[in-house]
Amino acid sequence: MDLNKIESKLLLMGLSLLLVLLGSLGVVALFDIELASKLLGIAITNLIVGRMGGLSFGFASGIDFSVVLFVNLYFEVLLVLIVYSLFVMSWENAVKFKRLEHFFDVVKAFVAKHHDKFDKYGTYGIFFFVFFPLFMSGPVVGAIIGFIIGIRHIKNIFIVLSSTFIATTLWALFLNEIVTILNNLNQYASWGILIVLIIVALIARKRKK
């Protein structure tokens, strides 16, 4: 790995953020194992379901709004930095990661199918692609698409993360209100949102395969 390349620096940054997250969870666990488990649950649910899943899990668990929002944003940043960097390295045949190659191939096929549209709308297309929770959308996929259509690394990451921050904050405000209303009806009702999101994510994953 060439440390002078920007993708290598982004990867190291992402891995550093991951270590900080794991270390912080370890410290929290020393004082409150239940809270640490809930925070870890937010990150895992975000990874499996996406931003709405992570937010829903946090709010349904009764964690403070600002903490839920921060953990989701933090996790999405490190996820983008790590996966995006690995894709660039794979694209340049610098390194191959077997566990991610299938995912990369799916994204490449998706971009090839809609390349004209992405190329036409450029940075604006990437911004709105990441913003709206559509099938195959999201910050990681958006960043990869940005790279494929030729957007420079820093500009690409900035656009993707800006869209992610805005979208996640708006979804957090909306879902927090929904969870509050459901909790007033039944203390377990808010978990229904998470169950629905997980089912939708599994269906989408099956379609993608």
N, C-alpha and C. Protein backbone atom coordinates (compact mmCIF):
# COMPACT_ATOMS: atom_id res chain seq x y z
N MET A 1 0.84 -1.19 0.00
CA MET A 1 0.00 0.00 0.00
C MET A 1 0.88 1.26 0.00
N ASP A 2 0.68 2.10 -1.00
CA ASP A 2 1.45 3.32 -1.13
C ASP A 2 0.84 4.41 -0.24
N LEU A 3 1.54 4.76 0.83
CA LEU A 3 1.01 5.73 1.79
C LEU A 3 0.95 7.14 1.23
N ASN A 4 1.58 7.36 0.09
CA ASN A 4 1.55 8.69 -0.51
C ASN A 4 0.26 8.93 -1.31
N LYS A 5 -0.44 7.85 -1.63
CA LYS A 5 -1.68 7.98 -2.38
C LYS A 5 -2.82 8.39 -1.46
N ILE A 6 -3.73 9.18 -2.00
CA ILE A 6 -4.80 9.73 -1.17
C ILE A 6 -5.75 8.64 -0.67
N GLU A 7 -5.96 7.58 -1.48
CA GLU A 7 -6.85 6.51 -1.02
C GLU A 7 -6.26 5.77 0.18
N SER A 8 -4.93 5.69 0.24
CA SER A 8 -4.27 5.07 1.39
C SER A 8 -4.46 5.93 2.64
N LYS A 9 -4.36 7.23 2.47
CA LYS A 9 -4.55 8.14 3.59
C LYS A 9 -6.00 8.11 4.08
N LEU A 10 -6.94 8.02 3.15
CA LEU A 10 -8.35 7.93 3.52
C LEU A 10 -8.63 6.63 4.26
N LEU A 11 -7.99 5.55 3.83
CA LEU A 11 -8.18 4.26 4.49
C LEU A 11 -7.65 4.31 5.92
N LEU A 12 -6.46 4.86 6.09
CA LEU A 12 -5.89 4.97 7.43
C LEU A 12 -6.75 5.85 8.33
N MET A 13 -7.31 6.90 7.76
CA MET A 13 -8.20 7.78 8.51
C MET A 13 -9.44 7.02 8.97
N GLY A 14 -10.02 6.25 8.04
CA GLY A 14 -11.20 5.47 8.37
C GLY A 14 -10.92 4.42 9.43
N LEU A 15 -9.79 3.72 9.31
CA LEU A 15 -9.42 2.71 10.30
C LEU A 15 -9.15 3.34 11.66
N SER A 16 -8.59 4.54 11.65
CA SER A 16 -8.35 5.25 12.91
C SER A 16 -9.66 5.60 13.60
N LEU A 17 -10.64 6.05 12.80
CA LEU A 17 -11.95 6.36 13.34
C LEU A 17 -12.62 5.10 13.91
N LEU A 18 -12.42 3.97 13.23
CA LEU A 18 -12.98 2.71 13.71
C LEU A 18 -12.36 2.31 15.05
N LEU A 19 -11.06 2.46 15.17
CA LEU A 19 -10.38 2.14 16.44
C LEU A 19 -10.85 3.04 17.57
N VAL A 20 -11.05 4.32 17.24
CA VAL A 20 -11.55 5.27 18.25
C VAL A 20 -12.95 4.86 18.70
N LEU A 21 -13.78 4.45 17.73
CA LEU A 21 -15.14 4.02 18.06
C LEU A 21 -15.12 2.80 18.97
N LEU A 22 -14.33 1.80 18.61
CA LEU A 22 -14.26 0.58 19.41
C LEU A 22 -13.68 0.86 20.79
N GLY A 23 -12.67 1.73 20.84
CA GLY A 23 -12.08 2.10 22.13
C GLY A 23 -13.07 2.84 23.02
N SER A 24 -13.83 3.73 22.40
CA SER A 24 -14.83 4.49 23.15
C SER A 24 -15.93 3.58 23.70
N LEU A 25 -16.35 2.61 22.88
CA LEU A 25 -17.35 1.65 23.34
C LEU A 25 -16.82 0.82 24.50
N GLY A 26 -15.53 0.49 24.44
CA GLY A 26 -14.91 -0.25 25.53
C GLY A 26 -14.91 0.54 26.83
N VAL A 27 -14.61 1.82 26.73
CA VAL A 27 -14.60 2.68 27.92
C VAL A 27 -16.01 2.82 28.49
N VAL A 28 -16.98 3.03 27.60
CA VAL A 28 -18.38 3.15 28.04
C VAL A 28 -18.83 1.87 28.72
N ALA A 29 -18.39 0.72 28.18
CA ALA A 29 -18.78 -0.58 28.73
C ALA A 29 -18.30 -0.77 30.16
N LEU A 30 -17.19 -0.13 30.51
CA LEU A 30 -16.67 -0.24 31.88
C LEU A 30 -17.63 0.39 32.89
N PHE A 31 -18.37 1.39 32.46
CA PHE A 31 -19.28 2.10 33.36
C PHE A 31 -20.75 1.73 33.14
N ASP A 32 -21.10 1.39 31.89
CA ASP A 32 -22.50 1.09 31.58
C ASP A 32 -22.53 0.12 30.40
N ILE A 33 -22.54 -1.17 30.70
CA ILE A 33 -22.49 -2.19 29.66
C ILE A 33 -23.74 -2.16 28.79
N GLU A 34 -24.88 -1.81 29.38
CA GLU A 34 -26.13 -1.76 28.61
C GLU A 34 -26.10 -0.65 27.57
N LEU A 35 -25.60 0.52 27.97
CA LEU A 35 -25.49 1.64 27.03
C LEU A 35 -24.51 1.30 25.91
N ALA A 36 -23.39 0.68 26.26
CA ALA A 36 -22.40 0.30 25.25
C ALA A 36 -23.00 -0.68 24.25
N SER A 37 -23.81 -1.60 24.73
CA SER A 37 -24.46 -2.58 23.85
C SER A 37 -25.43 -1.89 22.89
N LYS A 38 -26.14 -0.90 23.41
CA LYS A 38 -27.09 -0.16 22.58
C LYS A 38 -26.36 0.65 21.51
N LEU A 39 -25.25 1.27 21.89
CA LEU A 39 -24.48 2.06 20.92
C LEU A 39 -23.89 1.16 19.84
N LEU A 40 -23.41 -0.02 20.26
CA LEU A 40 -22.89 -0.97 19.28
C LEU A 40 -24.03 -1.44 18.37
N GLY A 41 -25.21 -1.60 18.95
CA GLY A 41 -26.38 -2.01 18.17
C GLY A 41 -26.73 -0.99 17.10
N ILE A 42 -26.56 0.30 17.41
CA ILE A 42 -26.81 1.36 16.43
C ILE A 42 -25.89 1.19 15.22
N ALA A 43 -24.59 0.97 15.51
CA ALA A 43 -23.61 0.83 14.43
C ALA A 43 -23.89 -0.40 13.58
N ILE A 44 -24.19 -1.53 14.25
CA ILE A 44 -24.43 -2.78 13.51
C ILE A 44 -25.70 -2.67 12.66
N THR A 45 -26.76 -2.07 13.24
CA THR A 45 -28.01 -1.92 12.49
C THR A 45 -27.82 -0.97 11.32
N ASN A 46 -27.03 0.07 11.50
CA ASN A 46 -26.73 0.98 10.41
C ASN A 46 -26.01 0.24 9.28
N LEU A 47 -25.09 -0.64 9.66
CA LEU A 47 -24.33 -1.40 8.67
C LEU A 47 -25.23 -2.33 7.88
N ILE A 48 -26.18 -2.98 8.56
CA ILE A 48 -27.04 -3.97 7.92
C ILE A 48 -28.21 -3.33 7.17
N VAL A 49 -28.87 -2.37 7.82
CA VAL A 49 -30.11 -1.80 7.29
C VAL A 49 -29.90 -0.44 6.63
N GLY A 50 -28.95 0.35 7.16
CA GLY A 50 -28.75 1.69 6.64
C GLY A 50 -29.06 2.74 7.70
N ARG A 51 -28.99 4.00 7.28
CA ARG A 51 -29.14 5.11 8.23
C ARG A 51 -30.47 5.08 8.99
N MET A 52 -31.56 4.76 8.31
CA MET A 52 -32.86 4.75 8.96
C MET A 52 -32.96 3.65 10.01
N GLY A 53 -32.32 2.52 9.74
CA GLY A 53 -32.30 1.44 10.71
C GLY A 53 -31.51 1.81 11.95
N GLY A 54 -30.34 2.40 11.74
CA GLY A 54 -29.51 2.81 12.87
C GLY A 54 -30.20 3.86 13.73
N LEU A 55 -30.84 4.82 13.08
CA LEU A 55 -31.56 5.86 13.81
C LEU A 55 -32.74 5.27 14.58
N SER A 56 -33.51 4.41 13.93
CA SER A 56 -34.68 3.80 14.56
C SER A 56 -34.28 2.98 15.78
N PHE A 57 -33.20 2.21 15.65
CA PHE A 57 -32.72 1.40 16.76
C PHE A 57 -32.34 2.28 17.95
N GLY A 58 -31.64 3.37 17.66
CA GLY A 58 -31.22 4.27 18.74
C GLY A 58 -32.38 4.91 19.47
N PHE A 59 -33.34 5.42 18.71
CA PHE A 59 -34.49 6.08 19.33
C PHE A 59 -35.36 5.08 20.08
N ALA A 60 -35.56 3.90 19.48
CA ALA A 60 -36.37 2.87 20.15
C ALA A 60 -35.71 2.40 21.44
N SER A 61 -34.37 2.49 21.50
CA SER A 61 -33.63 2.08 22.70
C SER A 61 -33.66 3.14 23.78
N GLY A 62 -34.20 4.32 23.45
CA GLY A 62 -34.31 5.39 24.44
C GLY A 62 -33.06 6.22 24.62
N ILE A 63 -32.16 6.18 23.65
CA ILE A 63 -30.93 6.97 23.73
C ILE A 63 -31.21 8.40 23.29
N ASP A 64 -30.47 9.34 23.87
CA ASP A 64 -30.66 10.76 23.58
C ASP A 64 -30.48 11.05 22.08
N PHE A 65 -31.27 11.99 21.58
CA PHE A 65 -31.28 12.33 20.16
C PHE A 65 -29.90 12.67 19.64
N SER A 66 -29.18 13.53 20.33
CA SER A 66 -27.87 13.99 19.85
C SER A 66 -26.87 12.83 19.79
N VAL A 67 -26.96 11.90 20.73
CA VAL A 67 -26.04 10.75 20.74
C VAL A 67 -26.34 9.82 19.57
N VAL A 68 -27.63 9.56 19.34
CA VAL A 68 -28.04 8.69 18.22
C VAL A 68 -27.58 9.28 16.89
N LEU A 69 -27.79 10.57 16.72
CA LEU A 69 -27.40 11.23 15.47
C LEU A 69 -25.89 11.19 15.29
N PHE A 70 -25.15 11.49 16.35
CA PHE A 70 -23.69 11.51 16.27
C PHE A 70 -23.12 10.14 15.93
N VAL A 71 -23.59 9.10 16.60
CA VAL A 71 -23.06 7.75 16.36
C VAL A 71 -23.32 7.32 14.92
N ASN A 72 -24.52 7.60 14.41
CA ASN A 72 -24.84 7.23 13.04
C ASN A 72 -23.98 7.99 12.03
N LEU A 73 -23.82 9.29 12.24
CA LEU A 73 -22.99 10.08 11.33
C LEU A 73 -21.53 9.63 11.39
N TYR A 74 -21.05 9.42 12.60
CA TYR A 74 -19.66 8.99 12.79
C TYR A 74 -19.41 7.67 12.07
N PHE A 75 -20.34 6.72 12.26
CA PHE A 75 -20.17 5.39 11.65
C PHE A 75 -20.22 5.48 10.14
N GLU A 76 -21.10 6.30 9.60
CA GLU A 76 -21.21 6.41 8.15
C GLU A 76 -19.96 7.04 7.55
N VAL A 77 -19.36 7.97 8.26
CA VAL A 77 -18.12 8.60 7.79
C VAL A 77 -17.02 7.55 7.69
N LEU A 78 -16.81 6.79 8.77
CA LEU A 78 -15.72 5.80 8.74
C LEU A 78 -16.01 4.69 7.73
N LEU A 79 -17.28 4.34 7.54
CA LEU A 79 -17.64 3.31 6.58
C LEU A 79 -17.33 3.77 5.15
N VAL A 80 -17.66 5.02 4.84
CA VAL A 80 -17.37 5.58 3.52
C VAL A 80 -15.88 5.60 3.27
N LEU A 81 -15.12 6.08 4.23
CA LEU A 81 -13.67 6.19 4.06
C LEU A 81 -13.02 4.84 3.84
N ILE A 82 -13.45 3.84 4.60
CA ILE A 82 -12.83 2.51 4.49
C ILE A 82 -13.22 1.81 3.20
N VAL A 83 -14.52 1.69 2.93
CA VAL A 83 -14.97 0.93 1.76
C VAL A 83 -14.59 1.64 0.47
N TYR A 84 -14.71 2.96 0.45
CA TYR A 84 -14.34 3.73 -0.75
C TYR A 84 -12.86 3.51 -1.07
N SER A 85 -12.01 3.58 -0.06
CA SER A 85 -10.57 3.40 -0.27
C SER A 85 -10.26 2.01 -0.78
N LEU A 86 -10.93 1.01 -0.21
CA LEU A 86 -10.70 -0.37 -0.65
C LEU A 86 -11.16 -0.57 -2.09
N PHE A 87 -12.25 0.10 -2.47
CA PHE A 87 -12.72 -0.02 -3.85
C PHE A 87 -11.71 0.59 -4.82
N VAL A 88 -11.19 1.76 -4.48
CA VAL A 88 -10.21 2.42 -5.36
C VAL A 88 -8.98 1.53 -5.53
N MET A 89 -8.53 0.92 -4.42
CA MET A 89 -7.37 0.03 -4.50
C MET A 89 -7.68 -1.19 -5.35
N SER A 90 -8.89 -1.72 -5.20
CA SER A 90 -9.30 -2.87 -6.01
C SER A 90 -9.39 -2.48 -7.48
N TRP A 91 -9.93 -1.30 -7.76
CA TRP A 91 -10.08 -0.80 -9.13
C TRP A 91 -8.72 -0.69 -9.81
N GLU A 92 -7.73 -0.26 -9.04
CA GLU A 92 -6.39 -0.07 -9.59
C GLU A 92 -5.54 -1.34 -9.49
N ASN A 93 -6.19 -2.44 -9.07
CA ASN A 93 -5.52 -3.74 -8.93
C ASN A 93 -4.35 -3.70 -7.96
N ALA A 94 -4.40 -2.76 -7.02
CA ALA A 94 -3.35 -2.68 -6.01
C ALA A 94 -3.54 -3.78 -4.97
N VAL A 95 -4.80 -4.00 -4.60
CA VAL A 95 -5.14 -5.03 -3.62
C VAL A 95 -6.50 -5.59 -3.97
N LYS A 96 -6.74 -6.85 -3.67
CA LYS A 96 -8.04 -7.47 -3.89
C LYS A 96 -8.59 -7.97 -2.55
N PHE A 97 -9.86 -7.66 -2.30
CA PHE A 97 -10.51 -8.08 -1.07
C PHE A 97 -11.69 -8.98 -1.44
N LYS A 98 -11.50 -10.29 -1.27
CA LYS A 98 -12.48 -11.26 -1.74
C LYS A 98 -13.88 -11.02 -1.17
N ARG A 99 -13.96 -10.65 0.09
CA ARG A 99 -15.26 -10.49 0.74
C ARG A 99 -16.03 -9.30 0.19
N LEU A 100 -15.33 -8.37 -0.45
CA LEU A 100 -15.99 -7.18 -0.97
C LEU A 100 -16.12 -7.20 -2.49
N GLU A 101 -15.45 -8.14 -3.14
CA GLU A 101 -15.42 -8.13 -4.60
C GLU A 101 -16.82 -8.30 -5.21
N HIS A 102 -17.65 -9.14 -4.60
CA HIS A 102 -19.01 -9.32 -5.13
C HIS A 102 -19.79 -8.02 -5.04
N PHE A 103 -19.68 -7.35 -3.89
CA PHE A 103 -20.35 -6.06 -3.71
C PHE A 103 -19.85 -5.05 -4.74
N PHE A 104 -18.55 -5.01 -4.94
CA PHE A 104 -17.98 -4.09 -5.93
C PHE A 104 -18.49 -4.40 -7.33
N ASP A 105 -18.59 -5.68 -7.66
CA ASP A 105 -19.08 -6.08 -8.98
C ASP A 105 -20.53 -5.65 -9.19
N VAL A 106 -21.33 -5.78 -8.12
CA VAL A 106 -22.74 -5.36 -8.20
C VAL A 106 -22.84 -3.86 -8.48
N VAL A 107 -22.03 -3.07 -7.77
CA VAL A 107 -22.04 -1.62 -7.96
C VAL A 107 -21.56 -1.26 -9.37
N LYS A 108 -20.52 -1.93 -9.84
CA LYS A 108 -20.01 -1.66 -11.19
C LYS A 108 -21.08 -1.93 -12.24
N ALA A 109 -21.81 -3.04 -12.07
CA ALA A 109 -22.87 -3.39 -13.01
C ALA A 109 -23.99 -2.36 -12.97
N PHE A 110 -24.30 -1.89 -11.76
CA PHE A 110 -25.34 -0.87 -11.60
C PHE A 110 -24.94 0.43 -12.28
N VAL A 111 -23.70 0.83 -12.10
CA VAL A 111 -23.20 2.06 -12.73
C VAL A 111 -23.16 1.92 -14.24
N ALA A 112 -22.74 0.76 -14.73
CA ALA A 112 -22.68 0.53 -16.17
C ALA A 112 -24.06 0.66 -16.80
N LYS A 113 -25.08 0.20 -16.07
CA LYS A 113 -26.44 0.25 -16.58
C LYS A 113 -26.97 1.67 -16.63
N HIS A 114 -26.57 2.51 -15.66
CA HIS A 114 -27.10 3.87 -15.58
C HIS A 114 -26.02 4.93 -15.77
N HIS A 115 -24.93 4.54 -16.44
CA HIS A 115 -23.77 5.44 -16.56
C HIS A 115 -24.11 6.77 -17.20
N ASP A 116 -24.94 6.76 -18.23
CA ASP A 116 -25.28 8.00 -18.94
C ASP A 116 -25.96 9.00 -18.01
N LYS A 117 -26.84 8.50 -17.16
CA LYS A 117 -27.56 9.39 -16.23
C LYS A 117 -26.61 9.98 -15.20
N PHE A 118 -25.75 9.13 -14.62
CA PHE A 118 -24.80 9.62 -13.62
C PHE A 118 -23.81 10.60 -14.25
N ASP A 119 -23.38 10.30 -15.46
CA ASP A 119 -22.42 11.16 -16.14
C ASP A 119 -23.06 12.50 -16.49
N LYS A 120 -24.34 12.47 -16.83
CA LYS A 120 -25.06 13.69 -17.23
C LYS A 120 -25.23 14.64 -16.05
N TYR A 121 -25.63 14.11 -14.90
CA TYR A 121 -25.93 14.97 -13.75
C TYR A 121 -24.75 15.17 -12.81
N GLY A 122 -23.71 14.38 -12.96
CA GLY A 122 -22.46 14.59 -12.23
C GLY A 122 -22.61 14.71 -10.73
N THR A 123 -22.01 15.77 -10.18
CA THR A 123 -21.99 15.94 -8.72
C THR A 123 -23.39 16.12 -8.15
N TYR A 124 -24.28 16.81 -8.90
CA TYR A 124 -25.65 16.99 -8.41
C TYR A 124 -26.37 15.63 -8.34
N GLY A 125 -26.13 14.80 -9.32
CA GLY A 125 -26.74 13.48 -9.32
C GLY A 125 -26.26 12.64 -8.14
N ILE A 126 -24.97 12.71 -7.84
CA ILE A 126 -24.42 11.97 -6.71
C ILE A 126 -25.02 12.47 -5.39
N PHE A 127 -25.15 13.78 -5.27
CA PHE A 127 -25.70 14.36 -4.04
C PHE A 127 -27.11 13.84 -3.77
N PHE A 128 -27.97 13.90 -4.78
CA PHE A 128 -29.35 13.48 -4.59
C PHE A 128 -29.48 11.96 -4.54
N PHE A 129 -28.57 11.25 -5.20
CA PHE A 129 -28.57 9.79 -5.12
C PHE A 129 -28.31 9.34 -3.68
N VAL A 130 -27.38 9.99 -3.01
CA VAL A 130 -27.05 9.67 -1.62
C VAL A 130 -28.16 10.15 -0.68
N PHE A 131 -28.78 11.28 -1.03
CA PHE A 131 -29.77 11.90 -0.16
C PHE A 131 -31.03 11.05 0.00
N PHE A 132 -31.52 10.51 -1.12
CA PHE A 132 -32.78 9.76 -1.07
C PHE A 132 -32.52 8.28 -0.82
N PRO A 133 -33.29 7.68 0.10
CA PRO A 133 -33.09 6.27 0.46
C PRO A 133 -33.70 5.31 -0.54
N LEU A 134 -33.16 5.28 -1.76
CA LEU A 134 -33.66 4.41 -2.81
C LEU A 134 -32.85 3.13 -2.85
N PHE A 135 -33.34 2.15 -3.63
CA PHE A 135 -32.61 0.89 -3.78
C PHE A 135 -31.22 1.14 -4.36
N MET A 136 -30.21 0.57 -3.73
CA MET A 136 -28.81 0.68 -4.13
C MET A 136 -28.21 2.04 -3.80
N SER A 137 -28.98 2.95 -3.18
CA SER A 137 -28.42 4.25 -2.87
C SER A 137 -27.73 4.20 -1.50
N GLY A 138 -27.10 5.30 -1.13
CA GLY A 138 -26.39 5.37 0.14
C GLY A 138 -25.03 5.99 -0.06
N PRO A 139 -24.38 6.43 1.03
CA PRO A 139 -23.10 7.12 0.90
C PRO A 139 -21.97 6.28 0.33
N VAL A 140 -21.89 5.01 0.71
CA VAL A 140 -20.81 4.16 0.21
C VAL A 140 -20.93 3.96 -1.30
N VAL A 141 -22.12 3.56 -1.74
CA VAL A 141 -22.35 3.35 -3.17
C VAL A 141 -22.21 4.66 -3.93
N GLY A 142 -22.70 5.76 -3.34
CA GLY A 142 -22.59 7.06 -3.98
C GLY A 142 -21.14 7.47 -4.20
N ALA A 143 -20.30 7.21 -3.20
CA ALA A 143 -18.88 7.55 -3.31
C ALA A 143 -18.21 6.73 -4.41
N ILE A 144 -18.56 5.45 -4.49
CA ILE A 144 -17.98 4.58 -5.51
C ILE A 144 -18.41 5.05 -6.91
N ILE A 145 -19.69 5.40 -7.05
CA ILE A 145 -20.17 5.90 -8.34
C ILE A 145 -19.45 7.18 -8.72
N GLY A 146 -19.27 8.06 -7.76
CA GLY A 146 -18.56 9.31 -8.01
C GLY A 146 -17.15 9.07 -8.55
N PHE A 147 -16.49 8.07 -7.97
CA PHE A 147 -15.14 7.73 -8.44
C PHE A 147 -15.17 7.21 -9.87
N ILE A 148 -16.12 6.32 -10.15
CA ILE A 148 -16.20 5.70 -11.47
C ILE A 148 -16.45 6.73 -12.57
N ILE A 149 -17.28 7.74 -12.26
CA ILE A 149 -17.58 8.74 -13.30
C ILE A 149 -16.55 9.87 -13.32
N GLY A 150 -15.51 9.75 -12.50
CA GLY A 150 -14.37 10.66 -12.62
C GLY A 150 -14.33 11.86 -11.69
N ILE A 151 -15.11 11.86 -10.62
CA ILE A 151 -15.05 12.98 -9.67
C ILE A 151 -13.82 12.81 -8.78
N ARG A 152 -13.07 13.88 -8.58
CA ARG A 152 -11.85 13.82 -7.78
C ARG A 152 -12.15 13.38 -6.34
N HIS A 153 -11.18 12.67 -5.73
CA HIS A 153 -11.38 12.06 -4.42
C HIS A 153 -11.99 12.99 -3.37
N ILE A 154 -11.30 14.09 -3.10
CA ILE A 154 -11.73 14.99 -2.01
C ILE A 154 -13.10 15.59 -2.31
N LYS A 155 -13.30 16.03 -3.54
CA LYS A 155 -14.59 16.60 -3.94
C LYS A 155 -15.68 15.55 -3.82
N ASN A 156 -15.39 14.34 -4.23
CA ASN A 156 -16.34 13.24 -4.17
C ASN A 156 -16.75 12.95 -2.72
N ILE A 157 -15.77 12.80 -1.86
CA ILE A 157 -16.04 12.52 -0.44
C ILE A 157 -16.82 13.66 0.20
N PHE A 158 -16.47 14.90 -0.15
CA PHE A 158 -17.15 16.06 0.42
C PHE A 158 -18.63 16.07 0.03
N ILE A 159 -18.91 15.81 -1.25
CA ILE A 159 -20.30 15.80 -1.73
C ILE A 159 -21.09 14.69 -1.04
N VAL A 160 -20.51 13.51 -0.99
CA VAL A 160 -21.20 12.35 -0.39
C VAL A 160 -21.49 12.58 1.09
N LEU A 161 -20.48 13.04 1.82
CA LEU A 161 -20.67 13.23 3.26
C LEU A 161 -21.60 14.42 3.56
N SER A 162 -21.56 15.46 2.74
CA SER A 162 -22.48 16.60 2.92
C SER A 162 -23.92 16.13 2.76
N SER A 163 -24.17 15.36 1.71
CA SER A 163 -25.51 14.83 1.48
C SER A 163 -25.93 13.90 2.62
N THR A 164 -24.98 13.08 3.08
CA THR A 164 -25.26 12.15 4.18
C THR A 164 -25.62 12.88 5.46
N PHE A 165 -24.87 13.93 5.79
CA PHE A 165 -25.12 14.69 7.01
C PHE A 165 -26.51 15.33 6.98
N ILE A 166 -26.85 15.92 5.85
CA ILE A 166 -28.15 16.59 5.74
C ILE A 166 -29.28 15.57 5.80
N ALA A 167 -29.16 14.50 5.01
CA ALA A 167 -30.22 13.48 4.96
C ALA A 167 -30.40 12.80 6.31
N THR A 168 -29.29 12.43 6.95
CA THR A 168 -29.37 11.73 8.23
C THR A 168 -29.99 12.62 9.31
N THR A 169 -29.64 13.89 9.31
CA THR A 169 -30.21 14.81 10.29
C THR A 169 -31.72 14.97 10.10
N LEU A 170 -32.14 15.11 8.86
CA LEU A 170 -33.58 15.25 8.58
C LEU A 170 -34.34 13.97 8.94
N TRP A 171 -33.77 12.82 8.60
CA TRP A 171 -34.40 11.56 8.96
C TRP A 171 -34.44 11.38 10.47
N ALA A 172 -33.40 11.84 11.15
CA ALA A 172 -33.37 11.73 12.62
C ALA A 172 -34.50 12.53 13.24
N LEU A 173 -34.71 13.74 12.76
CA LEU A 173 -35.79 14.58 13.28
C LEU A 173 -37.15 13.93 13.04
N PHE A 174 -37.32 13.38 11.84
CA PHE A 174 -38.60 12.75 11.49
C PHE A 174 -38.84 11.48 12.30
N LEU A 175 -37.85 10.59 12.34
CA LEU A 175 -38.02 9.32 13.03
C LEU A 175 -38.16 9.50 14.54
N ASN A 176 -37.47 10.49 15.08
CA ASN A 176 -37.58 10.76 16.51
C ASN A 176 -39.02 11.13 16.89
N GLU A 177 -39.66 11.92 16.04
CA GLU A 177 -41.06 12.30 16.28
C GLU A 177 -41.97 11.08 16.17
N ILE A 178 -41.73 10.24 15.17
CA ILE A 178 -42.54 9.04 14.97
C ILE A 178 -42.40 8.09 16.16
N VAL A 179 -41.16 7.89 16.60
CA VAL A 179 -40.91 6.99 17.73
C VAL A 179 -41.56 7.52 19.00
N THR A 180 -41.50 8.83 19.20
CA THR A 180 -42.12 9.45 20.38
C THR A 180 -43.63 9.21 20.38
N ILE A 181 -44.25 9.39 19.22
CA ILE A 181 -45.70 9.17 19.11
C ILE A 181 -46.04 7.71 19.38
N LEU A 182 -45.27 6.78 18.80
CA LEU A 182 -45.53 5.36 18.98
C LEU A 182 -45.31 4.92 20.43
N ASN A 183 -44.29 5.48 21.07
CA ASN A 183 -44.02 5.13 22.47
C ASN A 183 -45.14 5.59 23.39
N ASN A 184 -45.82 6.65 23.02
CA ASN A 184 -46.97 7.12 23.82
C ASN A 184 -48.15 6.16 23.69
N LEU A 185 -48.17 5.40 22.59
CA LEU A 185 -49.24 4.42 22.40
C LEU A 185 -48.89 3.10 23.06
N ASN A 186 -47.63 2.67 22.83
CA ASN A 186 -47.17 1.40 23.40
C ASN A 186 -45.65 1.42 23.45
N GLN A 187 -45.08 0.95 24.55
CA GLN A 187 -43.63 1.03 24.72
C GLN A 187 -42.84 0.18 23.73
N TYR A 188 -43.52 -0.80 23.11
CA TYR A 188 -42.85 -1.66 22.15
C TYR A 188 -43.19 -1.32 20.71
N ALA A 189 -44.11 -0.40 20.52
CA ALA A 189 -44.58 -0.08 19.16
C ALA A 189 -43.47 0.46 18.27
N SER A 190 -42.56 1.25 18.86
CA SER A 190 -41.50 1.87 18.06
C SER A 190 -40.56 0.84 17.44
N TRP A 191 -40.48 -0.36 18.04
CA TRP A 191 -39.61 -1.39 17.47
C TRP A 191 -40.19 -1.93 16.16
N GLY A 192 -41.48 -1.66 15.95
CA GLY A 192 -42.11 -2.09 14.71
C GLY A 192 -41.47 -1.45 13.49
N ILE A 193 -41.05 -0.18 13.64
CA ILE A 193 -40.37 0.51 12.53
C ILE A 193 -39.10 -0.23 12.15
N LEU A 194 -38.33 -0.61 13.16
CA LEU A 194 -37.06 -1.29 12.91
C LEU A 194 -37.29 -2.63 12.24
N ILE A 195 -38.30 -3.37 12.69
CA ILE A 195 -38.61 -4.67 12.09
C ILE A 195 -38.97 -4.52 10.62
N VAL A 196 -39.78 -3.51 10.31
CA VAL A 196 -40.17 -3.26 8.93
C VAL A 196 -38.95 -2.91 8.09
N LEU A 197 -38.06 -2.07 8.62
CA LEU A 197 -36.86 -1.68 7.88
C LEU A 197 -35.95 -2.88 7.62
N ILE A 198 -35.84 -3.77 8.59
CA ILE A 198 -35.00 -4.95 8.43
C ILE A 198 -35.57 -5.86 7.34
N ILE A 199 -36.90 -6.03 7.34
CA ILE A 199 -37.54 -6.85 6.32
C ILE A 199 -37.32 -6.26 4.93
N VAL A 200 -37.48 -4.94 4.81
CA VAL A 200 -37.27 -4.26 3.53
C VAL A 200 -35.82 -4.42 3.08
N ALA A 201 -34.88 -4.29 4.03
CA ALA A 201 -33.46 -4.42 3.69
C ALA A 201 -33.14 -5.83 3.20
N LEU A 202 -33.73 -6.84 3.84
CA LEU A 202 -33.49 -8.22 3.43
C LEU A 202 -34.06 -8.49 2.04
N ILE A 203 -35.24 -7.92 1.77
CA ILE A 203 -35.85 -8.08 0.45
C ILE A 203 -34.99 -7.40 -0.62
N ALA A 204 -34.51 -6.18 -0.29
CA ALA A 204 -33.65 -5.45 -1.23
C ALA A 204 -32.35 -6.19 -1.49
N ARG A 205 -31.79 -6.80 -0.44
CA ARG A 205 -30.55 -7.55 -0.60
C ARG A 205 -30.77 -8.79 -1.48
N LYS A 206 -31.93 -9.43 -1.30
CA LYS A 206 -32.25 -10.59 -2.12
C LYS A 206 -32.39 -10.19 -3.58
N ARG A 207 -33.04 -9.05 -3.82
CA ARG A 207 -33.20 -8.53 -5.20
C ARG A 207 -31.84 -8.21 -5.80
N LYS A 208 -30.96 -7.62 -4.99
CA LYS A 208 -29.63 -7.24 -5.49
C LYS A 208 -28.83 -8.48 -5.90
N LYS A 209 -28.97 -9.56 -5.09
CA LYS A 209 -28.24 -10.79 -5.44
C LYS A 209 -28.78 -11.37 -6.74
